[in-house]
């Protein structure tokens, strides 16, 4: 839990977050990494003349399956999901919101020298 200045004028944020992760070795050569988090941000006016009623709730989840090859190589596939539910309407177009949903799938290959 933390309290920080907001990016918006005359406001501050109250933040609460919970994170969890699990790392497991499978079959002796394969590794599974799973993580998730939940965060809540409440925007509060720092003076009486500023209106503020925005709340953001952020949920994330990720999974990575990785393995090594040779002495220096690694390969992995991953999935990442993120969602922000915001009570604030957007400035771009009527009916839009600061909320979003994002899903990503990827492949990584690396070599250390």
PDB file of N, CA and C in Angstrom:
ATOM      1  N   UNK A   1       0.861  -1.171   0.000  1.00  0.00           N
ATOM      2  CA  UNK A   1       0.000   0.000   0.000  1.00  0.00           C
ATOM      3  C   UNK A   1       0.898   1.222   0.000  1.00  0.00           C
ATOM      4  N   UNK A   2       0.533   2.222  -0.814  1.00  0.00           N
ATOM      5  CA  UNK A   2       1.328   3.442  -0.878  1.00  0.00           C
ATOM      6  C   UNK A   2       0.438   4.632  -1.237  1.00  0.00           C
ATOM      7  N   UNK A   3       0.934   5.817  -0.920  1.00  0.00           N
ATOM      8  CA  UNK A   3       0.296   7.070  -1.295  1.00  0.00           C
ATOM      9  C   UNK A   3       1.337   7.870  -2.063  1.00  0.00           C
ATOM     10  N   UNK A   4       0.965   8.363  -3.257  1.00  0.00           N
ATOM     11  CA  UNK A   4       1.908   9.073  -4.119  1.00  0.00           C
ATOM     12  C   UNK A   4       1.225  10.251  -4.797  1.00  0.00           C
ATOM     13  N   UNK A   5       2.015  11.249  -5.243  1.00  0.00           N
ATOM     14  CA  UNK A   5       1.432  12.323  -6.050  1.00  0.00           C
ATOM     15  C   UNK A   5       0.897  11.738  -7.365  1.00  0.00           C
ATOM     16  N   UNK A   6      -0.175  12.301  -7.855  1.00  0.00           N
ATOM     17  CA  UNK A   6      -0.756  11.870  -9.121  1.00  0.00           C
ATOM     18  C   UNK A   6      -0.085  12.609 -10.276  1.00  0.00           C
ATOM     19  N   UNK A   7      -0.214  12.068 -11.476  1.00  0.00           N
ATOM     20  CA  UNK A   7       0.238  12.782 -12.668  1.00  0.00           C
ATOM     21  C   UNK A   7      -0.703  13.946 -12.984  1.00  0.00           C
ATOM     22  N   UNK A   8      -1.893  13.929 -12.393  1.00  0.00           N
ATOM     23  CA  UNK A   8      -2.884  14.969 -12.622  1.00  0.00           C
ATOM     24  C   UNK A   8      -2.769  16.047 -11.545  1.00  0.00           C
ATOM     25  N   UNK A   9      -3.003  17.279 -11.922  1.00  0.00           N
ATOM     26  CA  UNK A   9      -2.843  18.418 -11.025  1.00  0.00           C
ATOM     27  C   UNK A   9      -3.798  18.337  -9.837  1.00  0.00           C
ATOM     28  N   UNK A  10      -3.293  18.682  -8.648  1.00  0.00           N
ATOM     29  CA  UNK A  10      -4.058  18.760  -7.402  1.00  0.00           C
ATOM     30  C   UNK A  10      -4.703  17.429  -6.999  1.00  0.00           C
ATOM     31  N   UNK A  11      -4.028  16.325  -7.286  1.00  0.00           N
ATOM     32  CA  UNK A  11      -4.526  15.017  -6.892  1.00  0.00           C
ATOM     33  C   UNK A  11      -3.373  14.159  -6.380  1.00  0.00           C
ATOM     34  N   UNK A  12      -3.709  13.169  -5.568  1.00  0.00           N
ATOM     35  CA  UNK A  12      -2.758  12.140  -5.182  1.00  0.00           C
ATOM     36  C   UNK A  12      -3.443  10.789  -5.320  1.00  0.00           C
ATOM     37  N   UNK A  13      -2.656   9.725  -5.319  1.00  0.00           N
ATOM     38  CA  UNK A  13      -3.210   8.384  -5.483  1.00  0.00           C
ATOM     39  C   UNK A  13      -2.946   7.547  -4.243  1.00  0.00           C
ATOM     40  N   UNK A  14      -3.930   6.716  -3.928  1.00  0.00           N
ATOM     41  CA  UNK A  14      -3.797   5.692  -2.896  1.00  0.00           C
ATOM     42  C   UNK A  14      -3.762   4.358  -3.635  1.00  0.00           C
ATOM     43  N   UNK A  15      -2.656   3.627  -3.498  1.00  0.00           N
ATOM     44  CA  UNK A  15      -2.434   2.402  -4.264  1.00  0.00           C
ATOM     45  C   UNK A  15      -2.361   1.190  -3.338  1.00  0.00           C
ATOM     46  N   UNK A  16      -3.015   0.120  -3.738  1.00  0.00           N
ATOM     47  CA  UNK A  16      -2.944  -1.151  -3.033  1.00  0.00           C
ATOM     48  C   UNK A  16      -2.635  -2.225  -4.068  1.00  0.00           C
ATOM     49  N   UNK A  17      -1.683  -3.116  -3.762  1.00  0.00           N
ATOM     50  CA  UNK A  17      -1.307  -4.158  -4.728  1.00  0.00           C
ATOM     51  C   UNK A  17      -0.996  -5.472  -4.021  1.00  0.00           C
ATOM     52  N   UNK A  18      -1.341  -6.567  -4.695  1.00  0.00           N
ATOM     53  CA  UNK A  18      -1.030  -7.918  -4.240  1.00  0.00           C
ATOM     54  C   UNK A  18      -0.417  -8.655  -5.421  1.00  0.00           C
ATOM     55  N   UNK A  19       0.743  -9.293  -5.207  1.00  0.00           N
ATOM     56  CA  UNK A  19       1.446 -10.030  -6.262  1.00  0.00           C
ATOM     57  C   UNK A  19       1.735 -11.450  -5.791  1.00  0.00           C
ATOM     58  N   UNK A  20       1.744 -12.392  -6.735  1.00  0.00           N
ATOM     59  CA  UNK A  20       2.107 -13.771  -6.427  1.00  0.00           C
ATOM     60  C   UNK A  20       2.838 -14.359  -7.626  1.00  0.00           C
ATOM     61  N   UNK A  21       3.786 -15.244  -7.356  1.00  0.00           N
ATOM     62  CA  UNK A  21       4.489 -15.920  -8.455  1.00  0.00           C
ATOM     63  C   UNK A  21       4.860 -17.333  -8.028  1.00  0.00           C
ATOM     64  N   UNK A  22       4.999 -18.185  -9.032  1.00  0.00           N
ATOM     65  CA  UNK A  22       5.372 -19.581  -8.821  1.00  0.00           C
ATOM     66  C   UNK A  22       6.391 -19.957  -9.886  1.00  0.00           C
ATOM     67  N   UNK A  23       7.493 -20.554  -9.473  1.00  0.00           N
ATOM     68  CA  UNK A  23       8.523 -21.035 -10.391  1.00  0.00           C
ATOM     69  C   UNK A  23       8.717 -22.529 -10.117  1.00  0.00           C
ATOM     70  N   UNK A  24       8.551 -23.348 -11.140  1.00  0.00           N
ATOM     71  CA  UNK A  24       8.621 -24.793 -10.961  1.00  0.00           C
ATOM     72  C   UNK A  24       9.468 -25.433 -12.047  1.00  0.00           C
ATOM     73  N   UNK A  25      10.351 -26.318 -11.648  1.00  0.00           N
ATOM     74  CA  UNK A  25      11.144 -27.095 -12.608  1.00  0.00           C
ATOM     75  C   UNK A  25      10.339 -28.332 -12.994  1.00  0.00           C
ATOM     76  N   UNK A  26      10.232 -28.587 -14.291  1.00  0.00           N
ATOM     77  CA  UNK A  26       9.492 -29.740 -14.812  1.00  0.00           C
ATOM     78  C   UNK A  26      10.439 -30.640 -15.600  1.00  0.00           C
ATOM     79  N   UNK A  27      10.361 -31.912 -15.415  1.00  0.00           N
ATOM     80  CA  UNK A  27      11.112 -32.902 -16.194  1.00  0.00           C
ATOM     81  C   UNK A  27      12.633 -32.688 -16.150  1.00  0.00           C
ATOM     82  N   UNK A  28      13.121 -31.917 -15.227  1.00  0.00           N
ATOM     83  CA  UNK A  28      14.554 -31.715 -15.090  1.00  0.00           C
ATOM     84  C   UNK A  28      15.169 -30.718 -16.067  1.00  0.00           C
ATOM     85  N   UNK A  29      14.506 -30.370 -17.140  1.00  0.00           N
ATOM     86  CA  UNK A  29      15.083 -29.472 -18.149  1.00  0.00           C
ATOM     87  C   UNK A  29      14.135 -28.351 -18.584  1.00  0.00           C
ATOM     88  N   UNK A  30      12.924 -28.381 -18.095  1.00  0.00           N
ATOM     89  CA  UNK A  30      11.901 -27.416 -18.475  1.00  0.00           C
ATOM     90  C   UNK A  30      11.481 -26.636 -17.229  1.00  0.00           C
ATOM     91  N   UNK A  31      11.284 -25.325 -17.374  1.00  0.00           N
ATOM     92  CA  UNK A  31      10.912 -24.479 -16.247  1.00  0.00           C
ATOM     93  C   UNK A  31       9.612 -23.753 -16.552  1.00  0.00           C
ATOM     94  N   UNK A  32       8.725 -23.719 -15.568  1.00  0.00           N
ATOM     95  CA  UNK A  32       7.454 -23.017 -15.683  1.00  0.00           C
ATOM     96  C   UNK A  32       7.448 -21.860 -14.686  1.00  0.00           C
ATOM     97  N   UNK A  33       7.190 -20.651 -15.182  1.00  0.00           N
ATOM     98  CA  UNK A  33       7.071 -19.458 -14.346  1.00  0.00           C
ATOM     99  C   UNK A  33       5.658 -18.904 -14.530  1.00  0.00           C
ATOM    100  N   UNK A  34       4.939 -18.734 -13.437  1.00  0.00           N
ATOM    101  CA  UNK A  34       3.575 -18.193 -13.463  1.00  0.00           C
ATOM    102  C   UNK A  34       3.511 -17.038 -12.466  1.00  0.00           C
ATOM    103  N   UNK A  35       2.899 -15.923 -12.874  1.00  0.00           N
ATOM    104  CA  UNK A  35       2.743 -14.793 -11.965  1.00  0.00           C
ATOM    105  C   UNK A  35       1.397 -14.124 -12.191  1.00  0.00           C
ATOM    106  N   UNK A  36       0.925 -13.464 -11.161  1.00  0.00           N
ATOM    107  CA  UNK A  36      -0.325 -12.731 -11.241  1.00  0.00           C
ATOM    108  C   UNK A  36      -0.317 -11.597 -10.236  1.00  0.00           C
ATOM    109  N   UNK A  37      -1.123 -10.588 -10.501  1.00  0.00           N
ATOM    110  CA  UNK A  37      -1.210  -9.470  -9.568  1.00  0.00           C
ATOM    111  C   UNK A  37      -2.561  -8.780  -9.692  1.00  0.00           C
ATOM    112  N   UNK A  38      -2.912  -8.081  -8.626  1.00  0.00           N
ATOM    113  CA  UNK A  38      -4.107  -7.249  -8.604  1.00  0.00           C
ATOM    114  C   UNK A  38      -3.720  -5.936  -7.946  1.00  0.00           C
ATOM    115  N   UNK A  39      -4.127  -4.841  -8.543  1.00  0.00           N
ATOM    116  CA  UNK A  39      -3.840  -3.531  -7.972  1.00  0.00           C
ATOM    117  C   UNK A  39      -5.046  -2.627  -8.058  1.00  0.00           C
ATOM    118  N   UNK A  40      -5.218  -1.803  -7.041  1.00  0.00           N
ATOM    119  CA  UNK A  40      -6.311  -0.830  -7.014  1.00  0.00           C
ATOM    120  C   UNK A  40      -5.703   0.544  -6.768  1.00  0.00           C
ATOM    121  N   UNK A  41      -6.109   1.521  -7.591  1.00  0.00           N
ATOM    122  CA  UNK A  41      -5.640   2.903  -7.447  1.00  0.00           C
ATOM    123  C   UNK A  41      -6.853   3.817  -7.316  1.00  0.00           C
ATOM    124  N   UNK A  42      -6.852   4.618  -6.270  1.00  0.00           N
ATOM    125  CA  UNK A  42      -7.927   5.587  -6.040  1.00  0.00           C
ATOM    126  C   UNK A  42      -7.320   6.988  -6.109  1.00  0.00           C
ATOM    127  N   UNK A  43      -7.857   7.824  -6.987  1.00  0.00           N
ATOM    128  CA  UNK A  43      -7.395   9.209  -7.138  1.00  0.00           C
ATOM    129  C   UNK A  43      -8.207  10.098  -6.198  1.00  0.00           C
ATOM    130  N   UNK A  44      -7.502  10.916  -5.408  1.00  0.00           N
ATOM    131  CA  UNK A  44      -8.143  11.775  -4.420  1.00  0.00           C
ATOM    132  C   UNK A  44      -7.681  13.210  -4.619  1.00  0.00           C
ATOM    133  N   UNK A  45      -8.612  14.158  -4.504  1.00  0.00           N
ATOM    134  CA  UNK A  45      -8.278  15.583  -4.634  1.00  0.00           C
ATOM    135  C   UNK A  45      -7.450  16.028  -3.433  1.00  0.00           C
ATOM    136  N   UNK A  46      -6.418  16.842  -3.689  1.00  0.00           N
ATOM    137  CA  UNK A  46      -5.575  17.338  -2.601  1.00  0.00           C
ATOM    138  C   UNK A  46      -6.020  18.715  -2.116  1.00  0.00           C
ATOM    139  N   UNK A  47      -7.034  19.295  -2.765  1.00  0.00           N
ATOM    140  CA  UNK A  47      -7.622  20.541  -2.282  1.00  0.00           C
ATOM    141  C   UNK A  47      -9.133  20.490  -2.499  1.00  0.00           C
ATOM    142  N   UNK A  48      -9.846  21.416  -1.879  1.00  0.00           N
ATOM    143  CA  UNK A  48     -11.316  21.406  -1.947  1.00  0.00           C
ATOM    144  C   UNK A  48     -11.865  21.813  -3.305  1.00  0.00           C
ATOM    145  N   UNK A  49     -11.078  22.498  -4.146  1.00  0.00           N
ATOM    146  CA  UNK A  49     -11.572  22.980  -5.428  1.00  0.00           C
ATOM    147  C   UNK A  49     -11.435  21.984  -6.573  1.00  0.00           C
ATOM    148  N   UNK A  50     -10.835  20.826  -6.323  1.00  0.00           N
ATOM    149  CA  UNK A  50     -10.605  19.843  -7.386  1.00  0.00           C
ATOM    150  C   UNK A  50     -11.539  18.655  -7.207  1.00  0.00           C
ATOM    151  N   UNK A  51     -12.276  18.331  -8.256  1.00  0.00           N
ATOM    152  CA  UNK A  51     -13.146  17.159  -8.217  1.00  0.00           C
ATOM    153  C   UNK A  51     -12.343  15.934  -8.651  1.00  0.00           C
ATOM    154  N   UNK A  52     -12.535  14.843  -7.939  1.00  0.00           N
ATOM    155  CA  UNK A  52     -11.820  13.616  -8.288  1.00  0.00           C
ATOM    156  C   UNK A  52     -12.642  12.420  -7.860  1.00  0.00           C
ATOM    157  N   UNK A  53     -12.894  11.531  -8.785  1.00  0.00           N
ATOM    158  CA  UNK A  53     -13.656  10.331  -8.446  1.00  0.00           C
ATOM    159  C   UNK A  53     -13.205   9.150  -9.293  1.00  0.00           C
ATOM    160  N   UNK A  54     -11.938   9.103  -9.624  1.00  0.00           N
ATOM    161  CA  UNK A  54     -11.452   8.038 -10.501  1.00  0.00           C
ATOM    162  C   UNK A  54     -10.902   6.877  -9.679  1.00  0.00           C
ATOM    163  N   UNK A  55     -11.256   5.648 -10.105  1.00  0.00           N
ATOM    164  CA  UNK A  55     -10.723   4.426  -9.528  1.00  0.00           C
ATOM    165  C   UNK A  55     -10.279   3.516 -10.666  1.00  0.00           C
ATOM    166  N   UNK A  56      -9.094   2.948 -10.547  1.00  0.00           N
ATOM    167  CA  UNK A  56      -8.588   1.974 -11.509  1.00  0.00           C
ATOM    168  C   UNK A  56      -8.335   0.651 -10.792  1.00  0.00           C
ATOM    169  N   UNK A  57      -8.758  -0.443 -11.410  1.00  0.00           N
ATOM    170  CA  UNK A  57      -8.483  -1.783 -10.902  1.00  0.00           C
ATOM    171  C   UNK A  57      -7.727  -2.540 -11.989  1.00  0.00           C
ATOM    172  N   UNK A  58      -6.518  -2.986 -11.675  1.00  0.00           N
ATOM    173  CA  UNK A  58      -5.634  -3.595 -12.664  1.00  0.00           C
ATOM    174  C   UNK A  58      -5.371  -5.048 -12.287  1.00  0.00           C
ATOM    175  N   UNK A  59      -5.607  -5.947 -13.237  1.00  0.00           N
ATOM    176  CA  UNK A  59      -5.349  -7.372 -13.050  1.00  0.00           C
ATOM    177  C   UNK A  59      -4.363  -7.823 -14.116  1.00  0.00           C
ATOM    178  N   UNK A  60      -3.335  -8.576 -13.719  1.00  0.00           N
ATOM    179  CA  UNK A  60      -2.366  -9.119 -14.680  1.00  0.00           C
ATOM    180  C   UNK A  60      -2.136 -10.590 -14.396  1.00  0.00           C
ATOM    181  N   UNK A  61      -1.786 -11.317 -15.453  1.00  0.00           N
ATOM    182  CA  UNK A  61      -1.442 -12.732 -15.352  1.00  0.00           C
ATOM    183  C   UNK A  61      -0.403 -13.034 -16.423  1.00  0.00           C
ATOM    184  N   UNK A  62       0.557 -13.874 -16.099  1.00  0.00           N
ATOM    185  CA  UNK A  62       1.557 -14.265 -17.081  1.00  0.00           C
ATOM    186  C   UNK A  62       2.055 -15.673 -16.824  1.00  0.00           C
ATOM    187  N   UNK A  63       2.429 -16.353 -17.901  1.00  0.00           N
ATOM    188  CA  UNK A  63       3.010 -17.694 -17.814  1.00  0.00           C
ATOM    189  C   UNK A  63       4.136 -17.795 -18.842  1.00  0.00           C
ATOM    190  N   UNK A  64       5.229 -18.433 -18.441  1.00  0.00           N
ATOM    191  CA  UNK A  64       6.389 -18.600 -19.305  1.00  0.00           C
ATOM    192  C   UNK A  64       6.894 -20.029 -19.155  1.00  0.00           C
ATOM    193  N   UNK A  65       7.123 -20.693 -20.283  1.00  0.00           N
ATOM    194  CA  UNK A  65       7.704 -22.030 -20.315  1.00  0.00           C
ATOM    195  C   UNK A  65       9.058 -21.898 -20.991  1.00  0.00           C
ATOM    196  N   UNK A  66      10.136 -22.229 -20.276  1.00  0.00           N
ATOM    197  CA  UNK A  66      11.475 -21.991 -20.813  1.00  0.00           C
ATOM    198  C   UNK A  66      12.372 -23.194 -20.617  1.00  0.00           C
ATOM    199  N   UNK A  67      13.430 -23.221 -21.432  1.00  0.00           N
ATOM    200  CA  UNK A  67      14.413 -24.300 -21.370  1.00  0.00           C
ATOM    201  C   UNK A  67      15.757 -23.765 -21.844  1.00  0.00           C
ATOM    202  N   UNK A  68      16.814 -24.461 -21.465  1.00  0.00           N
ATOM    203  CA  UNK A  68      18.164 -24.115 -21.904  1.00  0.00           C
ATOM    204  C   UNK A  68      18.616 -25.096 -22.970  1.00  0.00           C
ATOM    205  N   UNK A  69      19.518 -24.638 -23.835  1.00  0.00           N
ATOM    206  CA  UNK A  69      20.162 -25.544 -24.769  1.00  0.00           C
ATOM    207  C   UNK A  69      21.636 -25.178 -24.838  1.00  0.00           C
ATOM    208  N   UNK A  70      22.462 -26.196 -24.969  1.00  0.00           N
ATOM    209  CA  UNK A  70      23.902 -25.957 -24.926  1.00  0.00           C
ATOM    210  C   UNK A  70      24.276 -25.395 -23.561  1.00  0.00           C
ATOM    211  N   UNK A  71      25.412 -24.742 -23.480  1.00  0.00           N
ATOM    212  CA  UNK A  71      25.832 -24.145 -22.218  1.00  0.00           C
ATOM    213  C   UNK A  71      25.317 -22.716 -22.042  1.00  0.00           C
ATOM    214  N   UNK A  72      24.979 -22.055 -23.141  1.00  0.00           N
ATOM    215  CA  UNK A  72      24.648 -20.633 -23.060  1.00  0.00           C
ATOM    216  C   UNK A  72      23.322 -20.237 -23.690  1.00  0.00           C
ATOM    217  N   UNK A  73      22.616 -21.143 -24.282  1.00  0.00           N
ATOM    218  CA  UNK A  73      21.392 -20.791 -24.988  1.00  0.00           C
ATOM    219  C   UNK A  73      20.144 -21.014 -24.156  1.00  0.00           C
ATOM    220  N   UNK A  74      19.083 -20.264 -24.487  1.00  0.00           N
ATOM    221  CA  UNK A  74      17.785 -20.435 -23.844  1.00  0.00           C
ATOM    222  C   UNK A  74      16.679 -20.152 -24.857  1.00  0.00           C
ATOM    223  N   UNK A  75      15.548 -20.779 -24.622  1.00  0.00           N
ATOM    224  CA  UNK A  75      14.385 -20.595 -25.477  1.00  0.00           C
ATOM    225  C   UNK A  75      13.148 -20.587 -24.568  1.00  0.00           C
ATOM    226  N   UNK A  76      12.143 -19.774 -24.913  1.00  0.00           N
ATOM    227  CA  UNK A  76      10.942 -19.674 -24.086  1.00  0.00           C
ATOM    228  C   UNK A  76       9.745 -19.270 -24.934  1.00  0.00           C
ATOM    229  N   UNK A  77       8.565 -19.675 -24.470  1.00  0.00           N
ATOM    230  CA  UNK A  77       7.301 -19.174 -24.993  1.00  0.00           C
ATOM    231  C   UNK A  77       6.557 -18.560 -23.805  1.00  0.00           C
ATOM    232  N   UNK A  78       5.752 -17.524 -24.067  1.00  0.00           N
ATOM    233  CA  UNK A  78       5.071 -16.873 -22.951  1.00  0.00           C
ATOM    234  C   UNK A  78       3.702 -16.352 -23.361  1.00  0.00           C
ATOM    235  N   UNK A  79       2.891 -16.107 -22.342  1.00  0.00           N
ATOM    236  CA  UNK A  79       1.579 -15.482 -22.490  1.00  0.00           C
ATOM    237  C   UNK A  79       1.456 -14.427 -21.389  1.00  0.00           C
ATOM    238  N   UNK A  80       1.000 -13.236 -21.751  1.00  0.00           N
ATOM    239  CA  UNK A  80       0.789 -12.151 -20.797  1.00  0.00           C
ATOM    240  C   UNK A  80      -0.612 -11.575 -21.006  1.00  0.00           C
ATOM    241  N   UNK A  81      -1.321 -11.348 -19.913  1.00  0.00           N
ATOM    242  CA  UNK A  81      -2.655 -10.764 -19.953  1.00  0.00           C
ATOM    243  C   UNK A  81      -2.706  -9.603 -18.960  1.00  0.00           C
ATOM    244  N   UNK A  82      -3.319  -8.500 -19.359  1.00  0.00           N
ATOM    245  CA  UNK A  82      -3.456  -7.343 -18.487  1.00  0.00           C
ATOM    246  C   UNK A  82      -4.800  -6.681 -18.752  1.00  0.00           C
ATOM    247  N   UNK A  83      -5.443  -6.255 -17.664  1.00  0.00           N
ATOM    248  CA  UNK A  83      -6.739  -5.577 -17.799  1.00  0.00           C
ATOM    249  C   UNK A  83      -6.817  -4.448 -16.781  1.00  0.00           C
ATOM    250  N   UNK A  84      -7.236  -3.282 -17.253  1.00  0.00           N
ATOM    251  CA  UNK A  84      -7.434  -2.128 -16.381  1.00  0.00           C
ATOM    252  C   UNK A  84      -8.890  -1.690 -16.512  1.00  0.00           C
ATOM    253  N   UNK A  85      -9.630  -1.794 -15.434  1.00  0.00           N
ATOM    254  CA  UNK A  85     -11.000  -1.285 -15.384  1.00  0.00           C
ATOM    255  C   UNK A  85     -10.949   0.076 -14.708  1.00  0.00           C
ATOM    256  N   UNK A  86     -11.290   1.131 -15.456  1.00  0.00           N
ATOM    257  CA  UNK A  86     -11.214   2.491 -14.946  1.00  0.00           C
ATOM    258  C   UNK A  86     -12.595   3.117 -14.917  1.00  0.00           C
ATOM    259  N   UNK A  87     -12.845   3.904 -13.881  1.00  0.00           N
ATOM    260  CA  UNK A  87     -14.125   4.603 -13.786  1.00  0.00           C
ATOM    261  C   UNK A  87     -14.096   5.947 -14.514  1.00  0.00           C
ATOM    262  N   UNK A  88     -12.933   6.363 -15.024  1.00  0.00           N
ATOM    263  CA  UNK A  88     -12.778   7.660 -15.699  1.00  0.00           C
ATOM    264  C   UNK A  88     -13.091   7.541 -17.187  1.00  0.00           C
ATOM    265  N   UNK A  89     -13.931   8.440 -17.693  1.00  0.00           N
ATOM    266  CA  UNK A  89     -14.189   8.501 -19.128  1.00  0.00           C
ATOM    267  C   UNK A  89     -12.995   9.134 -19.825  1.00  0.00           C
ATOM    268  N   UNK A  90     -12.799   8.793 -21.084  1.00  0.00           N
ATOM    269  CA  UNK A  90     -11.657   9.298 -21.835  1.00  0.00           C
ATOM    270  C   UNK A  90     -11.894  10.677 -22.421  1.00  0.00           C
ATOM    271  N   UNK A  91     -10.811  11.303 -22.901  1.00  0.00           N
ATOM    272  CA  UNK A  91     -10.877  12.622 -23.507  1.00  0.00           C
ATOM    273  C   UNK A  91     -10.889  12.541 -25.030  1.00  0.00           C
ATOM    274  N   UNK A  92     -10.600  11.384 -25.594  1.00  0.00           N
ATOM    275  CA  UNK A  92     -10.469  11.238 -27.037  1.00  0.00           C
ATOM    276  C   UNK A  92     -11.834  11.248 -27.724  1.00  0.00           C
ATOM    277  N   UNK A  93     -12.744  10.463 -27.227  1.00  0.00           N
ATOM    278  CA  UNK A  93     -14.073  10.385 -27.825  1.00  0.00           C
ATOM    279  C   UNK A  93     -15.099  10.089 -26.742  1.00  0.00           C
ATOM    280  N   UNK A  94     -16.319  10.570 -26.886  1.00  0.00           N
ATOM    281  CA  UNK A  94     -17.356  10.269 -25.898  1.00  0.00           C
ATOM    282  C   UNK A  94     -17.575   8.760 -25.785  1.00  0.00           C
ATOM    283  N   UNK A  95     -17.784   8.305 -24.576  1.00  0.00           N
ATOM    284  CA  UNK A  95     -18.033   6.885 -24.358  1.00  0.00           C
ATOM    285  C   UNK A  95     -16.773   6.047 -24.207  1.00  0.00           C
ATOM    286  N   UNK A  96     -15.599   6.639 -24.431  1.00  0.00           N
ATOM    287  CA  UNK A  96     -14.360   5.889 -24.252  1.00  0.00           C
ATOM    288  C   UNK A  96     -13.942   5.940 -22.786  1.00  0.00           C
ATOM    289  N   UNK A  97     -12.965   5.131 -22.436  1.00  0.00           N
ATOM    290  CA  UNK A  97     -12.532   5.021 -21.051  1.00  0.00           C
ATOM    291  C   UNK A  97     -11.018   4.874 -20.996  1.00  0.00           C
ATOM    292  N   UNK A  98     -10.446   5.120 -19.825  1.00  0.00           N
ATOM    293  CA  UNK A  98      -9.029   4.887 -19.613  1.00  0.00           C
ATOM    294  C   UNK A  98      -8.742   3.395 -19.447  1.00  0.00           C
ATOM    295  N   UNK A  99      -9.755   2.567 -19.385  1.00  0.00           N
ATOM    296  CA  UNK A  99      -9.584   1.122 -19.236  1.00  0.00           C
ATOM    297  C   UNK A  99      -9.055   0.486 -20.508  1.00  0.00           C
ATOM    298  N   UNK A 100      -8.462  -0.680 -20.354  1.00  0.00           N
ATOM    299  CA  UNK A 100      -7.947  -1.435 -21.502  1.00  0.00           C
ATOM    300  C   UNK A 100      -7.832  -2.911 -21.154  1.00  0.00           C
ATOM    301  N   UNK A 101      -7.705  -3.724 -22.178  1.00  0.00           N
ATOM    302  CA  UNK A 101      -7.399  -5.144 -22.046  1.00  0.00           C
ATOM    303  C   UNK A 101      -6.310  -5.463 -23.054  1.00  0.00           C
ATOM    304  N   UNK A 102      -5.304  -6.233 -22.628  1.00  0.00           N
ATOM    305  CA  UNK A 102      -4.185  -6.580 -23.500  1.00  0.00           C
ATOM    306  C   UNK A 102      -3.816  -8.044 -23.311  1.00  0.00           C
ATOM    307  N   UNK A 103      -3.647  -8.758 -24.420  1.00  0.00           N
ATOM    308  CA  UNK A 103      -3.161 -10.135 -24.395  1.00  0.00           C
ATOM    309  C   UNK A 103      -1.994 -10.239 -25.353  1.00  0.00           C
ATOM    310  N   UNK A 104      -0.925 -10.887 -24.907  1.00  0.00           N
ATOM    311  CA  UNK A 104       0.259 -11.051 -25.744  1.00  0.00           C
ATOM    312  C   UNK A 104       0.767 -12.477 -25.646  1.00  0.00           C
ATOM    313  N   UNK A 105       1.192 -12.989 -26.782  1.00  0.00           N
ATOM    314  CA  UNK A 105       1.831 -14.298 -26.855  1.00  0.00           C
ATOM    315  C   UNK A 105       3.154 -14.083 -27.564  1.00  0.00           C
ATOM    316  N   UNK A 106       4.205 -14.744 -27.090  1.00  0.00           N
ATOM    317  CA  UNK A 106       5.500 -14.509 -27.709  1.00  0.00           C
ATOM    318  C   UNK A 106       6.447 -15.687 -27.590  1.00  0.00           C
ATOM    319  N   UNK A 107       7.569 -15.528 -28.269  1.00  0.00           N
ATOM    320  CA  UNK A 107       8.632 -16.523 -28.327  1.00  0.00           C
ATOM    321  C   UNK A 107       9.943 -15.791 -28.119  1.00  0.00           C
ATOM    322  N   UNK A 108      10.825 -16.353 -27.306  1.00  0.00           N
ATOM    323  CA  UNK A 108      12.127 -15.740 -27.053  1.00  0.00           C
ATOM    324  C   UNK A 108      13.225 -16.762 -27.295  1.00  0.00           C
ATOM    325  N   UNK A 109      14.301 -16.288 -27.826  1.00  0.00           N
ATOM    326  CA  UNK A 109      15.502 -17.111 -27.941  1.00  0.00           C
ATOM    327  C   UNK A 109      16.694 -16.245 -27.533  1.00  0.00           C
ATOM    328  N   UNK A 110      17.581 -16.809 -26.722  1.00  0.00           N
ATOM    329  CA  UNK A 110      18.702 -16.026 -26.220  1.00  0.00           C
ATOM    330  C   UNK A 110      20.000 -16.818 -26.219  1.00  0.00           C
ATOM    331  N   UNK A 111      21.098 -16.072 -26.225  1.00  0.00           N
ATOM    332  CA  UNK A 111      22.418 -16.667 -26.147  1.00  0.00           C
ATOM    333  C   UNK A 111      23.327 -15.751 -25.353  1.00  0.00           C
ATOM    334  N   UNK A 112      23.962 -16.274 -24.313  1.00  0.00           N
ATOM    335  CA  UNK A 112      24.885 -15.505 -23.479  1.00  0.00           C
ATOM    336  C   UNK A 112      26.307 -15.809 -23.926  1.00  0.00           C
ATOM    337  N   UNK A 113      27.131 -14.808 -23.978  1.00  0.00           N
ATOM    338  CA  UNK A 113      28.539 -15.016 -24.345  1.00  0.00           C
ATOM    339  C   UNK A 113      29.449 -14.332 -23.372  1.00  0.00           C
TER     340      UNK A 113
END
